[in-house]
Amino acid sequence: MRFRQITAAASLAFVLVTPAQAQYASTLPEFSGDPFSSSPWPIYNLGSFIGTPTANITFAQITGAFGNTALSISSAGVDVKLDGIVVAQCVEYSPCWSGGGPLTWSYTFAPNEYSIFADGIATLTAEQTAPYVIRLGEMQLTVRYDDVNVPEPGTFALLATSLLGLVSYKRTRRDA
């Protein structure tokens, strides 16, 4: 009987401390660079992804495409960076530079890179590395995190009432 009580208490404690998974996704529109750019090559600010500031990230990934509705290939070399981390790269004469497209790319962040999302804002830039025009499709950032919201006082009141009921039930059974 004692084992059942310990198991029930442990299960209740696990349910109370297990955080829920939450997610946010943010999208930036497609981009076409300046057709008249020349060396030194420009760095374009593509925009910022805005999400929920959190330190409890369990997964983060960005996806996009080289090429867009203006032209299906990215006709310029480019390094795509999110807060300084290179997330995609199109090298001159590679398929993304000259092949049919658009060609999709994705980057899954390592846990040691999650800190860039702590403030809820991440800026995406495109650094041109070769001649012609940068063309990028829509880019999406997805971040999953443990939602560790503090329970409301009503939740604690419900829990306390339940525990008092269990104690009372146990005492009445013992007295009977």
C-alpha atoms as a PDB file:
ATOM      1  CA  MET A   1       0.000   0.000   0.000  1.00  0.00           C
ATOM      2  CA  ARG A   2       2.866   2.355   0.811  1.00  0.00           C
ATOM      3  CA  PHE A   3       4.342   1.845  -2.678  1.00  0.00           C
ATOM      4  CA  ARG A   4       1.057   2.965  -4.306  1.00  0.00           C
ATOM      5  CA  GLN A   5       1.024   6.160  -2.253  1.00  0.00           C
ATOM      6  CA  ILE A   6       4.601   6.997  -3.207  1.00  0.00           C
ATOM      7  CA  THR A   7       3.902   6.250  -6.874  1.00  0.00           C
ATOM      8  CA  ALA A   8       0.784   8.440  -6.856  1.00  0.00           C
ATOM      9  CA  ALA A   9       2.669  11.298  -5.199  1.00  0.00           C
ATOM     10  CA  ALA A  10       5.542  11.014  -7.672  1.00  0.00           C
ATOM     11  CA  SER A  11       3.118  10.991 -10.616  1.00  0.00           C
ATOM     12  CA  LEU A  12       1.374  14.090  -9.289  1.00  0.00           C
ATOM     13  CA  ALA A  13       4.708  15.858  -8.784  1.00  0.00           C
ATOM     14  CA  PHE A  14       5.780  14.944 -12.352  1.00  0.00           C
ATOM     15  CA  VAL A  15       2.563  16.365 -13.809  1.00  0.00           C
ATOM     16  CA  LEU A  16       2.979  19.572 -11.819  1.00  0.00           C
ATOM     17  CA  VAL A  17       6.598  20.223 -12.851  1.00  0.00           C
ATOM     18  CA  THR A  18       6.539  18.984 -16.459  1.00  0.00           C
ATOM     19  CA  PRO A  19       6.524  22.062 -18.709  1.00  0.00           C
ATOM     20  CA  ALA A  20       4.283  22.269 -21.758  1.00  0.00           C
ATOM     21  CA  GLN A  21       5.839  22.577 -25.209  1.00  0.00           C
ATOM     22  CA  ALA A  22       5.119  25.856 -26.996  1.00  0.00           C
ATOM     23  CA  GLN A  23       6.207  27.117 -30.391  1.00  0.00           C
ATOM     24  CA  TYR A  24       6.395  30.291 -32.387  1.00  0.00           C
ATOM     25  CA  ALA A  25       7.018  30.768 -36.086  1.00  0.00           C
ATOM     26  CA  SER A  26       7.911  34.008 -37.810  1.00  0.00           C
ATOM     27  CA  THR A  27       8.199  34.668 -41.550  1.00  0.00           C
ATOM     28  CA  LEU A  28      10.078  37.207 -43.661  1.00  0.00           C
ATOM     29  CA  PRO A  29       9.056  37.954 -47.267  1.00  0.00           C
ATOM     30  CA  GLU A  30      11.128  37.100 -50.328  1.00  0.00           C
ATOM     31  CA  PHE A  31      13.972  39.411 -51.265  1.00  0.00           C
ATOM     32  CA  SER A  32      15.661  40.703 -54.429  1.00  0.00           C
ATOM     33  CA  GLY A  33      18.936  42.614 -54.134  1.00  0.00           C
ATOM     34  CA  ASP A  34      20.183  45.626 -56.065  1.00  0.00           C
ATOM     35  CA  PRO A  35      20.860  44.753 -59.725  1.00  0.00           C
ATOM     36  CA  PHE A  36      23.511  47.480 -59.905  1.00  0.00           C
ATOM     37  CA  SER A  37      25.594  46.447 -56.876  1.00  0.00           C
ATOM     38  CA  SER A  38      29.345  46.145 -57.310  1.00  0.00           C
ATOM     39  CA  SER A  39      32.391  45.310 -55.243  1.00  0.00           C
ATOM     40  CA  PRO A  40      32.692  45.859 -52.313  1.00  0.00           C
ATOM     41  CA  TRP A  41      29.560  43.762 -52.134  1.00  0.00           C
ATOM     42  CA  PRO A  42      26.669  45.007 -49.993  1.00  0.00           C
ATOM     43  CA  ILE A  43      25.235  43.518 -46.827  1.00  0.00           C
ATOM     44  CA  TYR A  44      21.431  43.653 -46.847  1.00  0.00           C
ATOM     45  CA  ASN A  45      19.263  43.697 -43.740  1.00  0.00           C
ATOM     46  CA  LEU A  46      16.431  41.310 -44.636  1.00  0.00           C
ATOM     47  CA  GLY A  47      14.445  42.004 -41.464  1.00  0.00           C
ATOM     48  CA  SER A  48      13.968  40.675 -37.978  1.00  0.00           C
ATOM     49  CA  PHE A  49      12.134  37.627 -36.714  1.00  0.00           C
ATOM     50  CA  ILE A  50      10.127  38.540 -33.635  1.00  0.00           C
ATOM     51  CA  GLY A  51       8.989  35.866 -31.207  1.00  0.00           C
ATOM     52  CA  THR A  52       8.630  35.104 -27.521  1.00  0.00           C
ATOM     53  CA  PRO A  53      11.690  35.901 -25.380  1.00  0.00           C
ATOM     54  CA  THR A  54      12.656  32.652 -23.703  1.00  0.00           C
ATOM     55  CA  ALA A  55      15.667  30.763 -22.409  1.00  0.00           C
ATOM     56  CA  ASN A  56      13.991  27.335 -22.446  1.00  0.00           C
ATOM     57  CA  ILE A  57      14.464  26.524 -26.143  1.00  0.00           C
ATOM     58  CA  THR A  58      14.378  22.871 -27.201  1.00  0.00           C
ATOM     59  CA  PHE A  59      14.516  23.288 -31.009  1.00  0.00           C
ATOM     60  CA  ALA A  60      15.124  26.079 -33.541  1.00  0.00           C
ATOM     61  CA  GLN A  61      15.244  25.943 -37.332  1.00  0.00           C
ATOM     62  CA  ILE A  62      15.230  28.430 -40.203  1.00  0.00           C
ATOM     63  CA  THR A  63      14.195  27.534 -43.751  1.00  0.00           C
ATOM     64  CA  GLY A  64      14.222  29.434 -47.018  1.00  0.00           C
ATOM     65  CA  ALA A  65      15.047  29.203 -50.719  1.00  0.00           C
ATOM     66  CA  PHE A  66      17.629  30.505 -53.141  1.00  0.00           C
ATOM     67  CA  GLY A  67      15.508  32.082 -55.856  1.00  0.00           C
ATOM     68  CA  ASN A  68      12.090  33.739 -55.702  1.00  0.00           C
ATOM     69  CA  THR A  69       9.147  34.694 -57.915  1.00  0.00           C
ATOM     70  CA  ALA A  70      11.297  37.234 -59.797  1.00  0.00           C
ATOM     71  CA  LEU A  71      13.827  34.576 -60.833  1.00  0.00           C
ATOM     72  CA  SER A  72      13.936  30.959 -59.740  1.00  0.00           C
ATOM     73  CA  ILE A  73      17.683  30.923 -59.094  1.00  0.00           C
ATOM     74  CA  SER A  74      19.842  33.110 -56.910  1.00  0.00           C
ATOM     75  CA  SER A  75      22.191  34.613 -59.450  1.00  0.00           C
ATOM     76  CA  ALA A  76      24.677  35.959 -56.916  1.00  0.00           C
ATOM     77  CA  GLY A  77      26.889  34.412 -54.277  1.00  0.00           C
ATOM     78  CA  VAL A  78      25.476  35.094 -50.834  1.00  0.00           C
ATOM     79  CA  ASP A  79      25.981  34.270 -47.158  1.00  0.00           C
ATOM     80  CA  VAL A  80      22.681  34.363 -45.254  1.00  0.00           C
ATOM     81  CA  LYS A  81      23.249  35.060 -41.546  1.00  0.00           C
ATOM     82  CA  LEU A  82      20.959  35.124 -38.536  1.00  0.00           C
ATOM     83  CA  ASP A  83      22.507  37.263 -35.808  1.00  0.00           C
ATOM     84  CA  GLY A  84      25.956  36.516 -37.257  1.00  0.00           C
ATOM     85  CA  ILE A  85      25.509  32.738 -37.643  1.00  0.00           C
ATOM     86  CA  VAL A  86      25.800  31.579 -41.279  1.00  0.00           C
ATOM     87  CA  VAL A  87      22.557  29.663 -41.908  1.00  0.00           C
ATOM     88  CA  ALA A  88      22.773  29.346 -45.720  1.00  0.00           C
ATOM     89  CA  GLN A  89      25.415  29.897 -48.342  1.00  0.00           C
ATOM     90  CA  CYS A  90      25.257  30.074 -52.136  1.00  0.00           C
ATOM     91  CA  VAL A  91      28.715  29.850 -53.659  1.00  0.00           C
ATOM     92  CA  GLU A  92      29.427  31.136 -57.159  1.00  0.00           C
ATOM     93  CA  TYR A  93      28.888  28.431 -59.865  1.00  0.00           C
ATOM     94  CA  SER A  94      27.085  26.074 -57.452  1.00  0.00           C
ATOM     95  CA  PRO A  95      23.538  24.810 -58.277  1.00  0.00           C
ATOM     96  CA  CYS A  96      21.902  27.614 -56.256  1.00  0.00           C
ATOM     97  CA  TRP A  97      23.856  30.158 -58.318  1.00  0.00           C
ATOM     98  CA  SER A  98      23.237  28.766 -61.787  1.00  0.00           C
ATOM     99  CA  GLY A  99      20.884  25.794 -61.607  1.00  0.00           C
ATOM    100  CA  GLY A 100      17.133  25.500 -61.866  1.00  0.00           C
ATOM    101  CA  GLY A 101      15.330  26.468 -58.775  1.00  0.00           C
ATOM    102  CA  PRO A 102      14.249  27.663 -56.427  1.00  0.00           C
ATOM    103  CA  LEU A 103      16.463  25.508 -54.236  1.00  0.00           C
ATOM    104  CA  THR A 104      15.384  25.176 -50.618  1.00  0.00           C
ATOM    105  CA  TRP A 105      17.733  25.317 -47.674  1.00  0.00           C
ATOM    106  CA  SER A 106      17.346  24.841 -43.936  1.00  0.00           C
ATOM    107  CA  TYR A 107      19.500  25.217 -40.864  1.00  0.00           C
ATOM    108  CA  THR A 108      18.851  23.582 -37.499  1.00  0.00           C
ATOM    109  CA  PHE A 109      20.474  25.450 -34.633  1.00  0.00           C
ATOM    110  CA  ALA A 110      22.681  23.656 -32.119  1.00  0.00           C
ATOM    111  CA  PRO A 111      21.855  24.094 -28.410  1.00  0.00           C
ATOM    112  CA  ASN A 112      24.914  26.327 -27.933  1.00  0.00           C
ATOM    113  CA  GLU A 113      23.376  28.756 -30.479  1.00  0.00           C
ATOM    114  CA  TYR A 114      19.962  29.095 -28.785  1.00  0.00           C
ATOM    115  CA  SER A 115      21.095  32.172 -26.865  1.00  0.00           C
ATOM    116  CA  ILE A 116      20.472  34.360 -29.940  1.00  0.00           C
ATOM    117  CA  PHE A 117      16.726  33.865 -29.365  1.00  0.00           C
ATOM    118  CA  ALA A 118      16.717  34.813 -25.670  1.00  0.00           C
ATOM    119  CA  ASP A 119      15.522  38.382 -26.338  1.00  0.00           C
ATOM    120  CA  GLY A 120      12.825  37.317 -28.838  1.00  0.00           C
ATOM    121  CA  ILE A 121      14.409  39.165 -31.797  1.00  0.00           C
ATOM    122  CA  ALA A 122      16.807  37.743 -34.412  1.00  0.00           C
ATOM    123  CA  THR A 123      18.022  39.778 -37.399  1.00  0.00           C
ATOM    124  CA  LEU A 124      18.575  38.165 -40.789  1.00  0.00           C
ATOM    125  CA  THR A 125      21.179  39.588 -43.192  1.00  0.00           C
ATOM    126  CA  ALA A 126      22.404  38.650 -46.658  1.00  0.00           C
ATOM    127  CA  GLU A 127      26.043  39.342 -47.446  1.00  0.00           C
ATOM    128  CA  GLN A 128      26.684  39.357 -51.193  1.00  0.00           C
ATOM    129  CA  THR A 129      29.889  37.479 -52.108  1.00  0.00           C
ATOM    130  CA  ALA A 130      29.820  37.495 -55.954  1.00  0.00           C
ATOM    131  CA  PRO A 131      28.377  39.556 -58.839  1.00  0.00           C
ATOM    132  CA  TYR A 132      24.772  39.709 -60.098  1.00  0.00           C
ATOM    133  CA  VAL A 133      21.582  39.893 -58.029  1.00  0.00           C
ATOM    134  CA  ILE A 134      20.682  38.119 -54.787  1.00  0.00           C
ATOM    135  CA  ARG A 135      17.236  36.529 -54.913  1.00  0.00           C
ATOM    136  CA  LEU A 136      15.848  34.746 -51.868  1.00  0.00           C
ATOM    137  CA  GLY A 137      12.444  33.194 -51.283  1.00  0.00           C
ATOM    138  CA  GLU A 138      10.326  33.546 -48.168  1.00  0.00           C
ATOM    139  CA  MET A 139      12.214  32.602 -44.988  1.00  0.00           C
ATOM    140  CA  GLN A 140      10.644  31.108 -41.854  1.00  0.00           C
ATOM    141  CA  LEU A 141      12.021  30.688 -38.355  1.00  0.00           C
ATOM    142  CA  THR A 142      10.475  28.083 -36.042  1.00  0.00           C
ATOM    143  CA  VAL A 143      11.382  27.945 -32.346  1.00  0.00           C
ATOM    144  CA  ARG A 144      10.051  25.389 -29.832  1.00  0.00           C
ATOM    145  CA  TYR A 145      10.480  25.916 -26.123  1.00  0.00           C
ATOM    146  CA  ASP A 146       9.309  24.666 -22.747  1.00  0.00           C
ATOM    147  CA  ASP A 147       6.562  26.914 -21.479  1.00  0.00           C
ATOM    148  CA  VAL A 148       7.293  27.132 -17.764  1.00  0.00           C
ATOM    149  CA  ASN A 149       4.651  29.621 -16.737  1.00  0.00           C
ATOM    150  CA  VAL A 150       4.098  29.952 -13.007  1.00  0.00           C
ATOM    151  CA  PRO A 151       0.694  28.508 -12.071  1.00  0.00           C
ATOM    152  CA  GLU A 152      -1.992  30.943 -10.978  1.00  0.00           C
ATOM    153  CA  PRO A 153      -3.073  31.106  -7.317  1.00  0.00           C
ATOM    154  CA  GLY A 154      -6.302  29.317  -8.253  1.00  0.00           C
ATOM    155  CA  THR A 155      -4.272  26.316  -9.398  1.00  0.00           C
ATOM    156  CA  PHE A 156      -2.488  26.164  -6.047  1.00  0.00           C
ATOM    157  CA  ALA A 157      -5.818  26.476  -4.204  1.00  0.00           C
ATOM    158  CA  LEU A 158      -7.252  23.573  -6.212  1.00  0.00           C
ATOM    159  CA  LEU A 159      -4.155  21.466  -5.514  1.00  0.00           C
ATOM    160  CA  ALA A 160      -4.238  22.284  -1.793  1.00  0.00           C
ATOM    161  CA  THR A 161      -7.944  21.398  -1.570  1.00  0.00           C
ATOM    162  CA  SER A 162      -7.297  18.090  -3.338  1.00  0.00           C
ATOM    163  CA  LEU A 163      -4.421  17.220  -1.012  1.00  0.00           C
ATOM    164  CA  LEU A 164      -6.504  18.090   2.066  1.00  0.00           C
ATOM    165  CA  GLY A 165      -9.278  15.870   0.712  1.00  0.00           C
ATOM    166  CA  LEU A 166      -6.843  12.973   0.283  1.00  0.00           C
ATOM    167  CA  VAL A 167      -5.481  13.418   3.815  1.00  0.00           C
ATOM    168  CA  SER A 168      -9.019  13.581   5.221  1.00  0.00           C
ATOM    169  CA  TYR A 169     -10.048  10.465   3.295  1.00  0.00           C
ATOM    170  CA  LYS A 170      -7.009   8.565   4.565  1.00  0.00           C
ATOM    171  CA  ARG A 171      -7.742   9.545   8.182  1.00  0.00           C
ATOM    172  CA  THR A 172     -11.388   8.529   7.958  1.00  0.00           C
ATOM    173  CA  ARG A 173     -10.402   5.139   6.514  1.00  0.00           C
ATOM    174  CA  ARG A 174      -7.797   4.665   9.231  1.00  0.00           C
ATOM    175  CA  ASP A 175     -10.275   5.611  12.006  1.00  0.00           C
ATOM    176  CA  ALA A 176     -12.962   3.306  10.640  1.00  0.00           C
END
